[in-house]
Amino acid sequence: MKILPSSLREKKRYIVFGLITEGEDPVDRKALLDEIFFATQTLLGDVGSSEIGYRLMDFDGSRGIMRVNAGSVELARAALATVYAIKGTRTVIIIHGTSGTIRAATEKYIVTENIASTNILSMQIRNGNNLFGTAVRRKGEEIDIIPDDREVLKRGNTRYLSLTSSDIVINR
């Protein structure tokens, strides 16, 4: 069976949400999905549930990204709003926003949450007389640095380091 070309596939939207719970423990992924599906089934029935087309793309215990069909965003938001408890613990799902791609959803609603706007930099960072790296991005008090020692990046399995302005002194 052939895969449909992208022009014929149904469009998707990504809903970024957060959880506020009474408990201290992070919420289990399966328990969250069970409650969302139950709330959707109760609110919309079988046909409405199937139209939404939920898929949990990412979840870390307190916030996540849910993929839904583009025409059903408002139904999905309404169904998410009806979730009031997960495994007996009172829980509220807060919708941070909706986007057309995962990348835009992450940049808009997860990475920059409670942080000032991003300023692009390109300056050398020195530790005394030694060259440490290049500052590439500044978000409020945080500075993202690409170190000159690439082994640091390989050990950390990352593309850059993030430091606060109190961790380093910038020489211009």
C-alpha atoms as a PDB file:
ATOM      1  CA  MET A   1       0.000   0.000   0.000  1.00  0.00           C
ATOM      2  CA  LYS A   2       1.393   3.407  -0.984  1.00  0.00           C
ATOM      3  CA  ILE A   3       1.723   6.293   1.448  1.00  0.00           C
ATOM      4  CA  LEU A   4      -0.421   9.330   0.666  1.00  0.00           C
ATOM      5  CA  PRO A   5       1.483  12.404  -0.516  1.00  0.00           C
ATOM      6  CA  SER A   6       1.642  15.212   2.019  1.00  0.00           C
ATOM      7  CA  SER A   7      -0.790  17.330  -0.024  1.00  0.00           C
ATOM      8  CA  LEU A   8      -3.532  14.710   0.482  1.00  0.00           C
ATOM      9  CA  ARG A   9      -2.922  13.958   4.170  1.00  0.00           C
ATOM     10  CA  GLU A  10      -5.047  15.520   6.858  1.00  0.00           C
ATOM     11  CA  LYS A  11      -3.421  18.565   8.434  1.00  0.00           C
ATOM     12  CA  LYS A  12      -2.274  18.350  12.055  1.00  0.00           C
ATOM     13  CA  ARG A  13      -1.908  20.840  14.893  1.00  0.00           C
ATOM     14  CA  TYR A  14       0.179  20.547  18.038  1.00  0.00           C
ATOM     15  CA  ILE A  15      -1.241  21.550  21.417  1.00  0.00           C
ATOM     16  CA  VAL A  16       1.276  22.403  24.136  1.00  0.00           C
ATOM     17  CA  PHE A  17      -0.101  21.806  27.618  1.00  0.00           C
ATOM     18  CA  GLY A  18       0.995  21.755  31.223  1.00  0.00           C
ATOM     19  CA  LEU A  19      -0.352  19.968  34.275  1.00  0.00           C
ATOM     20  CA  ILE A  20      -1.030  21.376  37.714  1.00  0.00           C
ATOM     21  CA  THR A  21      -1.510  18.629  40.282  1.00  0.00           C
ATOM     22  CA  GLU A  22      -2.021  18.491  44.024  1.00  0.00           C
ATOM     23  CA  GLY A  23       0.505  15.677  44.342  1.00  0.00           C
ATOM     24  CA  GLU A  24       4.276  16.007  44.340  1.00  0.00           C
ATOM     25  CA  ASP A  25       4.906  13.067  41.999  1.00  0.00           C
ATOM     26  CA  PRO A  26       5.112  13.454  38.196  1.00  0.00           C
ATOM     27  CA  VAL A  27       2.116  12.147  36.284  1.00  0.00           C
ATOM     28  CA  ASP A  28       2.425   8.815  34.477  1.00  0.00           C
ATOM     29  CA  ARG A  29       2.085   8.994  30.679  1.00  0.00           C
ATOM     30  CA  LYS A  30      -0.380   6.090  30.454  1.00  0.00           C
ATOM     31  CA  ALA A  31      -2.542   7.455  33.268  1.00  0.00           C
ATOM     32  CA  LEU A  32      -2.697  10.840  31.516  1.00  0.00           C
ATOM     33  CA  LEU A  33      -3.728   9.279  28.208  1.00  0.00           C
ATOM     34  CA  ASP A  34      -6.363   7.113  29.903  1.00  0.00           C
ATOM     35  CA  GLU A  35      -7.953  10.180  31.535  1.00  0.00           C
ATOM     36  CA  ILE A  36      -7.837  12.227  28.329  1.00  0.00           C
ATOM     37  CA  PHE A  37      -9.470   9.439  26.322  1.00  0.00           C
ATOM     38  CA  PHE A  38     -12.103   8.892  29.028  1.00  0.00           C
ATOM     39  CA  ALA A  39     -12.907  12.629  29.184  1.00  0.00           C
ATOM     40  CA  THR A  40     -13.132  12.841  25.390  1.00  0.00           C
ATOM     41  CA  GLN A  41     -15.348   9.751  25.226  1.00  0.00           C
ATOM     42  CA  THR A  42     -17.654  11.202  27.890  1.00  0.00           C
ATOM     43  CA  LEU A  43     -17.854  14.641  26.264  1.00  0.00           C
ATOM     44  CA  LEU A  44     -17.963  13.772  22.548  1.00  0.00           C
ATOM     45  CA  GLY A  45     -18.756  10.076  22.214  1.00  0.00           C
ATOM     46  CA  ASP A  46     -17.209   7.612  19.768  1.00  0.00           C
ATOM     47  CA  VAL A  47     -17.500   9.720  16.631  1.00  0.00           C
ATOM     48  CA  GLY A  48     -16.130  12.883  18.254  1.00  0.00           C
ATOM     49  CA  SER A  49     -13.237  10.975  19.801  1.00  0.00           C
ATOM     50  CA  SER A  50     -12.230   9.494  16.472  1.00  0.00           C
ATOM     51  CA  GLU A  51     -12.370  12.890  14.719  1.00  0.00           C
ATOM     52  CA  ILE A  52      -9.804  14.420  17.082  1.00  0.00           C
ATOM     53  CA  GLY A  53      -7.073  11.847  16.393  1.00  0.00           C
ATOM     54  CA  TYR A  54      -5.023  12.347  19.558  1.00  0.00           C
ATOM     55  CA  ARG A  55      -1.353  11.414  19.677  1.00  0.00           C
ATOM     56  CA  LEU A  56       0.883  12.324  22.608  1.00  0.00           C
ATOM     57  CA  MET A  57       4.149  13.369  20.999  1.00  0.00           C
ATOM     58  CA  ASP A  58       6.135  14.296  24.109  1.00  0.00           C
ATOM     59  CA  PHE A  59       5.456  14.304  27.843  1.00  0.00           C
ATOM     60  CA  ASP A  60       7.838  14.822  30.762  1.00  0.00           C
ATOM     61  CA  GLY A  61       5.502  14.373  33.732  1.00  0.00           C
ATOM     62  CA  SER A  62       4.335  17.979  33.971  1.00  0.00           C
ATOM     63  CA  ARG A  63       3.997  19.266  30.405  1.00  0.00           C
ATOM     64  CA  GLY A  64       3.750  17.867  26.894  1.00  0.00           C
ATOM     65  CA  ILE A  65       2.803  18.181  23.249  1.00  0.00           C
ATOM     66  CA  MET A  66      -0.350  16.550  21.851  1.00  0.00           C
ATOM     67  CA  ARG A  67      -0.971  16.151  18.092  1.00  0.00           C
ATOM     68  CA  VAL A  68      -4.574  16.524  16.892  1.00  0.00           C
ATOM     69  CA  ASN A  69      -6.337  16.919  13.548  1.00  0.00           C
ATOM     70  CA  ALA A  70      -6.461  20.557  12.420  1.00  0.00           C
ATOM     71  CA  GLY A  71     -10.259  20.730  12.227  1.00  0.00           C
ATOM     72  CA  SER A  72     -10.688  19.389  15.758  1.00  0.00           C
ATOM     73  CA  VAL A  73      -8.463  21.706  17.784  1.00  0.00           C
ATOM     74  CA  GLU A  74     -11.340  23.354  19.646  1.00  0.00           C
ATOM     75  CA  LEU A  75     -12.941  19.980  20.445  1.00  0.00           C
ATOM     76  CA  ALA A  76      -9.608  18.701  21.760  1.00  0.00           C
ATOM     77  CA  ARG A  77      -9.115  21.797  23.915  1.00  0.00           C
ATOM     78  CA  ALA A  78     -12.617  21.385  25.340  1.00  0.00           C
ATOM     79  CA  ALA A  79     -12.008  17.720  26.100  1.00  0.00           C
ATOM     80  CA  LEU A  80      -8.657  18.461  27.772  1.00  0.00           C
ATOM     81  CA  ALA A  81     -10.358  21.092  29.927  1.00  0.00           C
ATOM     82  CA  THR A  82     -12.758  18.476  31.331  1.00  0.00           C
ATOM     83  CA  VAL A  83      -9.968  16.365  32.875  1.00  0.00           C
ATOM     84  CA  TYR A  84     -10.139  16.973  36.626  1.00  0.00           C
ATOM     85  CA  ALA A  85      -8.228  14.041  38.189  1.00  0.00           C
ATOM     86  CA  ILE A  86      -5.521  11.559  37.251  1.00  0.00           C
ATOM     87  CA  LYS A  87      -5.271   8.404  39.384  1.00  0.00           C
ATOM     88  CA  GLY A  88      -7.320  10.052  42.117  1.00  0.00           C
ATOM     89  CA  THR A  89      -5.128  13.164  42.320  1.00  0.00           C
ATOM     90  CA  ARG A  90      -6.848  16.409  41.394  1.00  0.00           C
ATOM     91  CA  THR A  91      -5.292  17.745  38.206  1.00  0.00           C
ATOM     92  CA  VAL A  92      -5.844  20.661  35.860  1.00  0.00           C
ATOM     93  CA  ILE A  93      -4.605  20.711  32.261  1.00  0.00           C
ATOM     94  CA  ILE A  94      -3.495  24.176  31.161  1.00  0.00           C
ATOM     95  CA  ILE A  95      -3.246  24.813  27.402  1.00  0.00           C
ATOM     96  CA  HIS A  96      -0.230  27.011  26.620  1.00  0.00           C
ATOM     97  CA  GLY A  97      -0.936  27.259  22.896  1.00  0.00           C
ATOM     98  CA  THR A  98      -1.415  25.618  19.524  1.00  0.00           C
ATOM     99  CA  SER A  99       0.980  25.471  16.597  1.00  0.00           C
ATOM    100  CA  GLY A 100       1.309  23.928  13.143  1.00  0.00           C
ATOM    101  CA  THR A 101       4.680  22.241  13.737  1.00  0.00           C
ATOM    102  CA  ILE A 102       6.428  20.643  16.688  1.00  0.00           C
ATOM    103  CA  ARG A 103       9.381  22.977  16.263  1.00  0.00           C
ATOM    104  CA  ALA A 104       7.239  26.115  16.443  1.00  0.00           C
ATOM    105  CA  ALA A 105       5.321  24.712  19.413  1.00  0.00           C
ATOM    106  CA  THR A 106       8.554  24.016  21.261  1.00  0.00           C
ATOM    107  CA  GLU A 107      10.093  27.395  20.481  1.00  0.00           C
ATOM    108  CA  LYS A 108       6.966  29.397  21.293  1.00  0.00           C
ATOM    109  CA  TYR A 109       5.585  27.660  24.343  1.00  0.00           C
ATOM    110  CA  ILE A 110       8.197  25.435  25.961  1.00  0.00           C
ATOM    111  CA  VAL A 111      11.694  26.826  25.499  1.00  0.00           C
ATOM    112  CA  THR A 112      10.873  30.508  26.021  1.00  0.00           C
ATOM    113  CA  GLU A 113       8.405  29.971  28.860  1.00  0.00           C
ATOM    114  CA  ASN A 114       8.981  32.711  31.503  1.00  0.00           C
ATOM    115  CA  ILE A 115      12.210  33.841  29.794  1.00  0.00           C
ATOM    116  CA  ALA A 116      12.803  37.131  28.029  1.00  0.00           C
ATOM    117  CA  SER A 117      13.068  37.229  24.231  1.00  0.00           C
ATOM    118  CA  THR A 118      16.068  35.690  22.512  1.00  0.00           C
ATOM    119  CA  ASN A 119      18.967  37.844  21.392  1.00  0.00           C
ATOM    120  CA  ILE A 120      21.421  36.356  18.902  1.00  0.00           C
ATOM    121  CA  LEU A 121      25.041  37.005  19.802  1.00  0.00           C
ATOM    122  CA  SER A 122      28.356  36.111  18.261  1.00  0.00           C
ATOM    123  CA  MET A 123      31.130  36.983  20.674  1.00  0.00           C
ATOM    124  CA  GLN A 124      34.112  35.148  22.089  1.00  0.00           C
ATOM    125  CA  ILE A 125      33.994  34.073  25.744  1.00  0.00           C
ATOM    126  CA  ARG A 126      37.286  33.926  27.646  1.00  0.00           C
ATOM    127  CA  ASN A 127      38.135  32.237  30.928  1.00  0.00           C
ATOM    128  CA  GLY A 128      41.094  34.356  32.042  1.00  0.00           C
ATOM    129  CA  ASN A 129      43.558  34.243  29.140  1.00  0.00           C
ATOM    130  CA  ASN A 130      42.125  31.014  27.670  1.00  0.00           C
ATOM    131  CA  LEU A 131      39.489  31.089  24.944  1.00  0.00           C
ATOM    132  CA  PHE A 132      36.407  29.165  26.142  1.00  0.00           C
ATOM    133  CA  GLY A 133      33.901  29.399  23.281  1.00  0.00           C
ATOM    134  CA  THR A 134      31.449  31.554  21.339  1.00  0.00           C
ATOM    135  CA  ALA A 135      28.202  32.915  22.799  1.00  0.00           C
ATOM    136  CA  VAL A 136      25.463  32.314  20.255  1.00  0.00           C
ATOM    137  CA  ARG A 137      22.209  33.111  22.054  1.00  0.00           C
ATOM    138  CA  ARG A 138      21.032  35.054  25.101  1.00  0.00           C
ATOM    139  CA  LYS A 139      17.670  34.496  26.830  1.00  0.00           C
ATOM    140  CA  GLY A 140      17.265  36.809  29.790  1.00  0.00           C
ATOM    141  CA  GLU A 141      20.049  35.861  32.209  1.00  0.00           C
ATOM    142  CA  GLU A 142      20.961  32.654  30.323  1.00  0.00           C
ATOM    143  CA  ILE A 143      23.638  32.499  27.642  1.00  0.00           C
ATOM    144  CA  ASP A 144      24.082  29.563  25.248  1.00  0.00           C
ATOM    145  CA  ILE A 145      27.707  28.883  24.386  1.00  0.00           C
ATOM    146  CA  ILE A 146      29.350  26.674  21.784  1.00  0.00           C
ATOM    147  CA  PRO A 147      32.621  25.670  23.476  1.00  0.00           C
ATOM    148  CA  ASP A 148      35.864  25.464  21.523  1.00  0.00           C
ATOM    149  CA  ASP A 149      36.554  22.047  23.082  1.00  0.00           C
ATOM    150  CA  ARG A 150      34.150  19.874  21.041  1.00  0.00           C
ATOM    151  CA  GLU A 151      34.746  16.899  23.360  1.00  0.00           C
ATOM    152  CA  VAL A 152      32.579  18.666  25.965  1.00  0.00           C
ATOM    153  CA  LEU A 153      29.656  18.550  23.537  1.00  0.00           C
ATOM    154  CA  LYS A 154      30.189  14.877  22.705  1.00  0.00           C
ATOM    155  CA  ARG A 155      30.277  13.877  26.381  1.00  0.00           C
ATOM    156  CA  GLY A 156      27.128  15.854  27.108  1.00  0.00           C
ATOM    157  CA  ASN A 157      25.330  14.671  23.949  1.00  0.00           C
ATOM    158  CA  THR A 158      24.279  18.248  23.148  1.00  0.00           C
ATOM    159  CA  ARG A 159      24.923  21.054  20.661  1.00  0.00           C
ATOM    160  CA  TYR A 160      25.708  23.860  23.110  1.00  0.00           C
ATOM    161  CA  LEU A 161      26.100  24.681  26.794  1.00  0.00           C
ATOM    162  CA  SER A 162      23.767  26.966  28.687  1.00  0.00           C
ATOM    163  CA  LEU A 163      25.180  29.150  31.445  1.00  0.00           C
ATOM    164  CA  THR A 164      23.832  32.054  33.424  1.00  0.00           C
ATOM    165  CA  SER A 165      25.498  35.447  33.288  1.00  0.00           C
ATOM    166  CA  SER A 166      26.758  34.930  36.844  1.00  0.00           C
ATOM    167  CA  ASP A 167      28.741  31.858  35.686  1.00  0.00           C
ATOM    168  CA  ILE A 168      30.925  33.785  33.230  1.00  0.00           C
ATOM    169  CA  VAL A 169      32.376  37.219  32.571  1.00  0.00           C
ATOM    170  CA  ILE A 170      31.901  38.538  29.026  1.00  0.00           C
ATOM    171  CA  ASN A 171      34.824  40.507  27.564  1.00  0.00           C
ATOM    172  CA  ARG A 172      33.900  42.548  24.495  1.00  0.00           C
END
